[in-house]
Protein backbone atom coordinates (compact mmCIF):
# COMPACT_ATOMS: atom_id res chain seq x y z
CA MET A 1 0.18 -2.79 13.34
CA ILE A 2 2.71 -4.23 10.68
CA THR A 3 4.66 -1.57 9.40
CA ILE A 4 6.50 -2.96 5.50
CA GLU A 5 8.89 -0.43 3.30
CA GLY A 6 8.24 -1.44 -0.29
CA ARG A 7 7.85 -0.63 -3.77
CA VAL A 8 4.77 -1.12 -5.62
CA ALA A 9 4.60 -3.73 -8.18
CA ALA A 10 1.29 -3.67 -9.63
CA VAL A 11 -1.94 -1.81 -9.44
CA MET A 12 -5.20 -4.11 -9.23
CA GLU A 13 -7.82 -1.23 -9.73
CA THR A 14 -10.93 -3.04 -8.18
CA TRP A 15 -13.29 -2.41 -5.01
CA PRO A 16 -11.17 -2.67 -2.48
CA LEU A 17 -8.24 -1.39 -4.48
CA GLN A 18 -5.61 -3.92 -3.63
CA LEU A 19 -1.74 -3.26 -4.49
CA SER A 20 1.21 -5.66 -5.00
CA VAL A 21 3.83 -4.50 -2.99
CA VAL A 22 7.54 -5.98 -2.68
CA SER A 23 9.34 -5.91 0.36
CA GLY A 24 12.85 -7.15 0.29
CA SER A 25 12.71 -10.78 -0.84
CA SER A 26 8.84 -11.01 0.23
CA THR A 27 5.44 -9.79 -2.20
CA TYR A 28 2.32 -8.77 -0.14
CA ALA A 29 -0.93 -8.50 -1.11
CA VAL A 30 -1.99 -4.88 -0.15
CA THR A 31 -5.83 -3.90 0.40
CA LEU A 32 -7.27 -0.79 1.04
CA THR A 33 -9.89 0.58 2.11
CA ASP A 34 -12.44 3.64 2.09
CA ARG A 35 -10.63 4.39 5.94
CA THR A 36 -6.94 4.04 3.99
CA GLN A 37 -4.86 7.41 4.59
CA VAL A 38 -2.61 7.82 1.64
CA GLN A 39 -0.27 10.81 1.84
CA ARG A 40 2.65 12.06 -0.73
CA ARG A 41 4.92 14.40 0.78
CA GLY A 42 2.92 14.49 4.00
CA ILE A 43 -0.56 15.66 1.74
CA SER A 44 -3.11 13.69 1.65
CA CYS A 45 -3.93 12.51 -1.24
CA ASP A 46 -6.35 10.27 -3.53
CA PRO A 47 -5.26 6.19 -3.48
CA GLY A 48 -5.98 6.52 -7.55
CA THR A 49 -2.49 8.33 -7.29
CA LEU A 50 -0.71 5.07 -6.11
CA ARG A 51 1.21 3.66 -9.56
CA PRO A 52 4.03 0.93 -9.83
CA GLY A 53 7.44 1.71 -9.18
CA GLN A 54 6.95 3.55 -6.28
CA ARG A 55 8.28 3.31 -3.49
CA VAL A 56 6.19 3.07 -0.16
CA ASP A 57 5.88 3.08 3.67
CA ILE A 58 2.95 1.19 4.52
CA GLN A 59 1.10 0.76 8.01
CA GLY A 60 -1.38 -1.81 8.45
CA HIS A 61 -3.23 -4.99 9.91
CA ARG A 62 -2.71 -8.81 8.89
CA GLN A 63 -5.32 -10.04 6.75
CA SER A 64 -3.99 -13.27 5.92
CA VAL A 65 -0.75 -15.16 4.95
CA GLY A 66 1.34 -12.19 2.91
CA GLY A 67 -1.84 -9.85 2.83
CA LEU A 68 -2.45 -6.68 4.59
CA VAL A 69 -4.95 -4.17 4.81
CA ALA A 70 -3.81 -1.07 4.42
CA ASP A 71 -4.42 1.88 7.54
CA SER A 72 -1.99 4.52 5.61
CA ILE A 73 0.37 4.32 2.90
CA SER A 74 3.13 6.79 2.08
CA ILE A 75 4.35 7.44 -1.22
CA ARG A 76 8.57 8.58 -0.35
CA ASP A 77 8.78 9.41 -4.38
């Protein structure tokens, strides 16, 4: 399991939904699946609420170098 804290740089509204997340000096390509749990203030929400600029905590597993499949995303803003 990998955990990253960062800011959403871009949302690609394709299926599967993908995010570009900046954490420190690294940028990650994050893929969501139909099993990804998204929460805001501890309440489940639709992945469509993800927007550029939001701070997020993501837990997931490595898909490729610089790539991550999200198991859960917590929106901190």
